[in-house]
Structures are given as C-alpha cells and as structure tokens.
Amino acid sequence: MIRLTLYGRAECHLCHEMEVVVSGVLAERGRAGRVALETVDVDSDPALAARFGVRVPVLCVNGE
C-alpha cells in the first residue's frame, strides 16, 4: 500500500485545491484501494507548524 500524507492548513486554499486534485487522481485511476491519503493540519502540532512554516501544502509519499 502506498501512503500519501498531505500536510497543510485548514484555512489554506492551496491545501484544499491539492487535496481535491490528489483525491480526484486517485479516484480516476482506480487506486482508491491501493493508496491511503491522510491529511494533517500542521497547526495542530507546534513542531509541524515550526517545520513547515508557510511552506504548505506538502505531499509526502511513504514518509518522504
């Protein structure tokens, strides 16, 4: 299974757009059962907020 992690912010329009695009591609390609998409709000964790700063959205594949 491929793990996708989308790091972003609740009030970020770019983050929302990326989630829509990634979800659409997964559905289009029939990968919904083979790929897990997790979204993480960086503002929910001070360490993540410090790590990413304003550089969101970030999409990681299998932790990288």
PDB file of N, CA and C in Angstrom:
ATOM      1  N   MET A   1       0.841  -1.176   0.000  1.00  0.00           N
ATOM      2  CA  MET A   1       0.000   0.000   0.000  1.00  0.00           C
ATOM      3  C   MET A   1       0.886   1.238   0.000  1.00  0.00           C
ATOM      4  N   ILE A   2       0.510   2.205  -0.800  1.00  0.00           N
ATOM      5  CA  ILE A   2       1.199   3.492  -0.862  1.00  0.00           C
ATOM      6  C   ILE A   2       0.514   4.446   0.108  1.00  0.00           C
ATOM      7  N   ARG A   3       1.324   5.117   0.924  1.00  0.00           N
ATOM      8  CA  ARG A   3       0.786   6.079   1.896  1.00  0.00           C
ATOM      9  C   ARG A   3       1.125   7.488   1.447  1.00  0.00           C
ATOM     10  N   LEU A   4       0.098   8.284   1.216  1.00  0.00           N
ATOM     11  CA  LEU A   4       0.278   9.696   0.899  1.00  0.00           C
ATOM     12  C   LEU A   4      -0.127  10.507   2.120  1.00  0.00           C
ATOM     13  N   THR A   5       0.708  11.471   2.480  1.00  0.00           N
ATOM     14  CA  THR A   5       0.393  12.361   3.598  1.00  0.00           C
ATOM     15  C   THR A   5       0.428  13.780   3.070  1.00  0.00           C
ATOM     16  N   LEU A   6      -0.696  14.465   3.206  1.00  0.00           N
ATOM     17  CA  LEU A   6      -0.809  15.847   2.761  1.00  0.00           C
ATOM     18  C   LEU A   6      -0.777  16.748   3.985  1.00  0.00           C
ATOM     19  N   TYR A   7       0.295  17.529   4.103  1.00  0.00           N
ATOM     20  CA  TYR A   7       0.433  18.480   5.198  1.00  0.00           C
ATOM     21  C   TYR A   7      -0.073  19.836   4.725  1.00  0.00           C
ATOM     22  N   GLY A   8      -0.952  20.443   5.522  1.00  0.00           N
ATOM     23  CA  GLY A   8      -1.495  21.731   5.137  1.00  0.00           C
ATOM     24  C   GLY A   8      -2.145  22.432   6.314  1.00  0.00           C
ATOM     25  N   ARG A   9      -2.939  23.433   5.983  1.00  0.00           N
ATOM     26  CA  ARG A   9      -3.644  24.220   6.992  1.00  0.00           C
ATOM     27  C   ARG A   9      -5.123  24.266   6.638  1.00  0.00           C
ATOM     28  N   ALA A  10      -5.950  24.379   7.665  1.00  0.00           N
ATOM     29  CA  ALA A  10      -7.401  24.385   7.484  1.00  0.00           C
ATOM     30  C   ALA A  10      -7.851  25.567   6.633  1.00  0.00           C
ATOM     31  N   GLU A  11      -7.226  26.700   6.769  1.00  0.00           N
ATOM     32  CA  GLU A  11      -7.652  27.908   6.054  1.00  0.00           C
ATOM     33  C   GLU A  11      -6.798  28.207   4.818  1.00  0.00           C
ATOM     34  N   CYS A  12      -6.158  27.199   4.271  1.00  0.00           N
ATOM     35  CA  CYS A  12      -5.259  27.382   3.121  1.00  0.00           C
ATOM     36  C   CYS A  12      -5.955  26.918   1.841  1.00  0.00           C
ATOM     37  N   HIS A  13      -6.234  27.855   0.922  1.00  0.00           N
ATOM     38  CA  HIS A  13      -6.924  27.470  -0.310  1.00  0.00           C
ATOM     39  C   HIS A  13      -6.073  26.566  -1.192  1.00  0.00           C
ATOM     40  N   LEU A  14      -4.759  26.750  -1.177  1.00  0.00           N
ATOM     41  CA  LEU A  14      -3.885  25.877  -1.956  1.00  0.00           C
ATOM     42  C   LEU A  14      -3.905  24.443  -1.421  1.00  0.00           C
ATOM     43  N   CYS A  15      -3.985  24.319  -0.103  1.00  0.00           N
ATOM     44  CA  CYS A  15      -4.049  22.989   0.519  1.00  0.00           C
ATOM     45  C   CYS A  15      -5.337  22.276   0.120  1.00  0.00           C
ATOM     46  N   HIS A  16      -6.437  23.019   0.116  1.00  0.00           N
ATOM     47  CA  HIS A  16      -7.723  22.442  -0.276  1.00  0.00           C
ATOM     48  C   HIS A  16      -7.703  22.030  -1.742  1.00  0.00           C
ATOM     49  N   GLU A  17      -7.118  22.869  -2.587  1.00  0.00           N
ATOM     50  CA  GLU A  17      -7.024  22.541  -4.011  1.00  0.00           C
ATOM     51  C   GLU A  17      -6.187  21.293  -4.232  1.00  0.00           C
ATOM     52  N   MET A  18      -5.079  21.174  -3.516  1.00  0.00           N
ATOM     53  CA  MET A  18      -4.231  19.993  -3.681  1.00  0.00           C
ATOM     54  C   MET A  18      -4.973  18.728  -3.250  1.00  0.00           C
ATOM     55  N   GLU A  19      -5.717  18.815  -2.159  1.00  0.00           N
ATOM     56  CA  GLU A  19      -6.464  17.646  -1.695  1.00  0.00           C
ATOM     57  C   GLU A  19      -7.499  17.215  -2.739  1.00  0.00           C
ATOM     58  N   VAL A  20      -8.173  18.174  -3.356  1.00  0.00           N
ATOM     59  CA  VAL A  20      -9.162  17.864  -4.394  1.00  0.00           C
ATOM     60  C   VAL A  20      -8.483  17.196  -5.591  1.00  0.00           C
ATOM     61  N   VAL A  21      -7.361  17.735  -6.018  1.00  0.00           N
ATOM     62  CA  VAL A  21      -6.650  17.184  -7.171  1.00  0.00           C
ATOM     63  C   VAL A  21      -6.150  15.770  -6.877  1.00  0.00           C
ATOM     64  N   VAL A  22      -5.495  15.583  -5.745  1.00  0.00           N
ATOM     65  CA  VAL A  22      -4.958  14.262  -5.398  1.00  0.00           C
ATOM     66  C   VAL A  22      -6.090  13.245  -5.251  1.00  0.00           C
ATOM     67  N   SER A  23      -7.150  13.608  -4.573  1.00  0.00           N
ATOM     68  CA  SER A  23      -8.285  12.695  -4.406  1.00  0.00           C
ATOM     69  C   SER A  23      -8.899  12.347  -5.755  1.00  0.00           C
ATOM     70  N   GLY A  24      -9.001  13.333  -6.633  1.00  0.00           N
ATOM     71  CA  GLY A  24      -9.547  13.090  -7.966  1.00  0.00           C
ATOM     72  C   GLY A  24      -8.693  12.145  -8.780  1.00  0.00           C
ATOM     73  N   VAL A  25      -7.382  12.328  -8.733  1.00  0.00           N
ATOM     74  CA  VAL A  25      -6.472  11.446  -9.464  1.00  0.00           C
ATOM     75  C   VAL A  25      -6.571  10.024  -8.936  1.00  0.00           C
ATOM     76  N   LEU A  26      -6.636   9.873  -7.616  1.00  0.00           N
ATOM     77  CA  LEU A  26      -6.746   8.537  -7.036  1.00  0.00           C
ATOM     78  C   LEU A  26      -8.038   7.858  -7.477  1.00  0.00           C
ATOM     79  N   ALA A  27      -9.132   8.582  -7.491  1.00  0.00           N
ATOM     80  CA  ALA A  27     -10.423   8.018  -7.890  1.00  0.00           C
ATOM     81  C   ALA A  27     -10.430   7.691  -9.385  1.00  0.00           C
ATOM     82  N   GLU A  28      -9.869   8.585 -10.198  1.00  0.00           N
ATOM     83  CA  GLU A  28      -9.817   8.403 -11.643  1.00  0.00           C
ATOM     84  C   GLU A  28      -9.043   7.164 -12.046  1.00  0.00           C
ATOM     85  N   ARG A  29      -7.957   6.970 -11.408  1.00  0.00           N
ATOM     86  CA  ARG A  29      -7.036   5.891 -11.782  1.00  0.00           C
ATOM     87  C   ARG A  29      -7.371   4.569 -11.109  1.00  0.00           C
ATOM     88  N   GLY A  30      -8.428   4.537 -10.309  1.00  0.00           N
ATOM     89  CA  GLY A  30      -8.812   3.298  -9.638  1.00  0.00           C
ATOM     90  C   GLY A  30      -7.827   2.857  -8.572  1.00  0.00           C
ATOM     91  N   ARG A  31      -7.173   3.805  -7.956  1.00  0.00           N
ATOM     92  CA  ARG A  31      -6.161   3.477  -6.950  1.00  0.00           C
ATOM     93  C   ARG A  31      -6.679   3.618  -5.522  1.00  0.00           C
ATOM     94  N   ALA A  32      -7.954   3.909  -5.361  1.00  0.00           N
ATOM     95  CA  ALA A  32      -8.509   4.182  -4.033  1.00  0.00           C
ATOM     96  C   ALA A  32      -8.223   3.062  -3.041  1.00  0.00           C
ATOM     97  N   GLY A  33      -8.207   1.817  -3.449  1.00  0.00           N
ATOM     98  CA  GLY A  33      -7.952   0.707  -2.534  1.00  0.00           C
ATOM     99  C   GLY A  33      -6.483   0.428  -2.292  1.00  0.00           C
ATOM    100  N   ARG A  34      -5.615   0.988  -3.130  1.00  0.00           N
ATOM    101  CA  ARG A  34      -4.182   0.711  -3.021  1.00  0.00           C
ATOM    102  C   ARG A  34      -3.375   1.873  -2.492  1.00  0.00           C
ATOM    103  N   VAL A  35      -4.031   3.015  -2.340  1.00  0.00           N
ATOM    104  CA  VAL A  35      -3.349   4.219  -1.864  1.00  0.00           C
ATOM    105  C   VAL A  35      -4.154   4.818  -0.720  1.00  0.00           C
ATOM    106  N   ALA A  36      -3.467   5.105   0.381  1.00  0.00           N
ATOM    107  CA  ALA A  36      -4.116   5.736   1.535  1.00  0.00           C
ATOM    108  C   ALA A  36      -3.692   7.198   1.593  1.00  0.00           C
ATOM    109  N   LEU A  37      -4.676   8.098   1.627  1.00  0.00           N
ATOM    110  CA  LEU A  37      -4.393   9.526   1.730  1.00  0.00           C
ATOM    111  C   LEU A  37      -4.776  10.014   3.116  1.00  0.00           C
ATOM    112  N   GLU A  38      -3.800  10.589   3.807  1.00  0.00           N
ATOM    113  CA  GLU A  38      -4.030  11.177   5.128  1.00  0.00           C
ATOM    114  C   GLU A  38      -3.751  12.666   5.032  1.00  0.00           C
ATOM    115  N   THR A  39      -4.622  13.477   5.598  1.00  0.00           N
ATOM    116  CA  THR A  39      -4.381  14.919   5.651  1.00  0.00           C
ATOM    117  C   THR A  39      -4.034  15.303   7.080  1.00  0.00           C
ATOM    118  N   VAL A  40      -3.040  16.155   7.211  1.00  0.00           N
ATOM    119  CA  VAL A  40      -2.568  16.583   8.524  1.00  0.00           C
ATOM    120  C   VAL A  40      -2.557  18.100   8.573  1.00  0.00           C
ATOM    121  N   ASP A  41      -3.246  18.667   9.550  1.00  0.00           N
ATOM    122  CA  ASP A  41      -3.244  20.113   9.772  1.00  0.00           C
ATOM    123  C   ASP A  41      -1.991  20.455  10.576  1.00  0.00           C
ATOM    124  N   VAL A  42      -1.066  21.156   9.962  1.00  0.00           N
ATOM    125  CA  VAL A  42       0.200  21.445  10.636  1.00  0.00           C
ATOM    126  C   VAL A  42       0.011  22.329  11.862  1.00  0.00           C
ATOM    127  N   ASP A  43      -1.075  23.093  11.897  1.00  0.00           N
ATOM    128  CA  ASP A  43      -1.312  23.955  13.049  1.00  0.00           C
ATOM    129  C   ASP A  43      -1.778  23.178  14.274  1.00  0.00           C
ATOM    130  N   SER A  44      -2.070  21.896  14.122  1.00  0.00           N
ATOM    131  CA  SER A  44      -2.486  21.074  15.264  1.00  0.00           C
ATOM    132  C   SER A  44      -1.292  20.610  16.095  1.00  0.00           C
ATOM    133  N   ASP A  45      -0.092  20.844  15.587  1.00  0.00           N
ATOM    134  CA  ASP A  45       1.120  20.400  16.278  1.00  0.00           C
ATOM    135  C   ASP A  45       2.185  21.488  16.133  1.00  0.00           C
ATOM    136  N   PRO A  46       2.635  22.086  17.244  1.00  0.00           N
ATOM    137  CA  PRO A  46       3.636  23.163  17.160  1.00  0.00           C
ATOM    138  C   PRO A  46       4.917  22.751  16.434  1.00  0.00           C
ATOM    139  N   ALA A  47       5.329  21.501  16.574  1.00  0.00           N
ATOM    140  CA  ALA A  47       6.540  21.035  15.893  1.00  0.00           C
ATOM    141  C   ALA A  47       6.346  21.029  14.379  1.00  0.00           C
ATOM    142  N   LEU A  48       5.171  20.600  13.929  1.00  0.00           N
ATOM    143  CA  LEU A  48       4.886  20.601  12.496  1.00  0.00           C
ATOM    144  C   LEU A  48       4.766  22.030  11.975  1.00  0.00           C
ATOM    145  N   ALA A  49       4.127  22.899  12.741  1.00  0.00           N
ATOM    146  CA  ALA A  49       3.993  24.299  12.338  1.00  0.00           C
ATOM    147  C   ALA A  49       5.376  24.937  12.182  1.00  0.00           C
ATOM    148  N   ALA A  50       6.279  24.636  13.087  1.00  0.00           N
ATOM    149  CA  ALA A  50       7.643  25.164  13.001  1.00  0.00           C
ATOM    150  C   ALA A  50       8.399  24.553  11.821  1.00  0.00           C
ATOM    151  N   ARG A  51       8.183  23.272  11.577  1.00  0.00           N
ATOM    152  CA  ARG A  51       8.883  22.561  10.499  1.00  0.00           C
ATOM    153  C   ARG A  51       8.488  23.094   9.124  1.00  0.00           C
ATOM    154  N   PHE A  52       7.182  23.292   8.910  1.00  0.00           N
ATOM    155  CA  PHE A  52       6.704  23.682   7.590  1.00  0.00           C
ATOM    156  C   PHE A  52       6.562  25.183   7.407  1.00  0.00           C
ATOM    157  N   GLY A  53       6.359  25.912   8.491  1.00  0.00           N
ATOM    158  CA  GLY A  53       6.190  27.361   8.366  1.00  0.00           C
ATOM    159  C   GLY A  53       5.070  27.683   7.404  1.00  0.00           C
ATOM    160  N   VAL A  54       5.353  28.527   6.419  1.00  0.00           N
ATOM    161  CA  VAL A  54       4.349  28.889   5.415  1.00  0.00           C
ATOM    162  C   VAL A  54       4.446  28.008   4.167  1.00  0.00           C
ATOM    163  N   ARG A  55       5.349  27.033   4.183  1.00  0.00           N
ATOM    164  CA  ARG A  55       5.568  26.190   3.002  1.00  0.00           C
ATOM    165  C   ARG A  55       4.614  25.002   2.986  1.00  0.00           C
ATOM    166  N   VAL A  56       3.361  25.277   2.756  1.00  0.00           N
ATOM    167  CA  VAL A  56       2.341  24.244   2.598  1.00  0.00           C
ATOM    168  C   VAL A  56       1.534  24.588   1.350  1.00  0.00           C
ATOM    169  N   PRO A  57       0.952  23.633   0.719  1.00  0.00           N
ATOM    170  CA  PRO A  57       0.853  22.230   1.060  1.00  0.00           C
ATOM    171  C   PRO A  57       2.121  21.450   0.709  1.00  0.00           C
ATOM    172  N   VAL A  58       2.310  20.340   1.411  1.00  0.00           N
ATOM    173  CA  VAL A  58       3.401  19.409   1.149  1.00  0.00           C
ATOM    174  C   VAL A  58       2.789  18.022   1.058  1.00  0.00           C
ATOM    175  N   LEU A  59       3.138  17.301  -0.001  1.00  0.00           N
ATOM    176  CA  LEU A  59       2.652  15.947  -0.179  1.00  0.00           C
ATOM    177  C   LEU A  59       3.825  14.991  -0.041  1.00  0.00           C
ATOM    178  N   CYS A  60       3.730  14.064   0.915  1.00  0.00           N
ATOM    179  CA  CYS A  60       4.785  13.066   1.118  1.00  0.00           C
ATOM    180  C   CYS A  60       4.264  11.701   0.670  1.00  0.00           C
ATOM    181  N   VAL A  61       5.171  10.937   0.073  1.00  0.00           N
ATOM    182  CA  VAL A  61       4.856   9.582  -0.364  1.00  0.00           C
ATOM    183  C   VAL A  61       5.660   8.628   0.496  1.00  0.00           C
ATOM    184  N   ASN A  62       4.956   7.771   1.212  1.00  0.00           N
ATOM    185  CA  ASN A  62       5.598   6.799   2.107  1.00  0.00           C
ATOM    186  C   ASN A  62       6.598   7.476   3.066  1.00  0.00           C
ATOM    187  N   GLY A  63       6.198   8.639   3.584  1.00  0.00           N
ATOM    188  CA  GLY A  63       7.001   9.314   4.595  1.00  0.00           C
ATOM    189  C   GLY A  63       8.096  10.217   4.060  1.00  0.00           C
ATOM    190  N   GLU A  64       8.231  10.328   2.757  1.00  0.00           N
ATOM    191  CA  GLU A  64       9.295  11.176   2.176  1.00  0.00           C
ATOM    192  C   GLU A  64       8.723  12.234   1.270  1.00  0.00           C
TER     193      GLU A  64
END
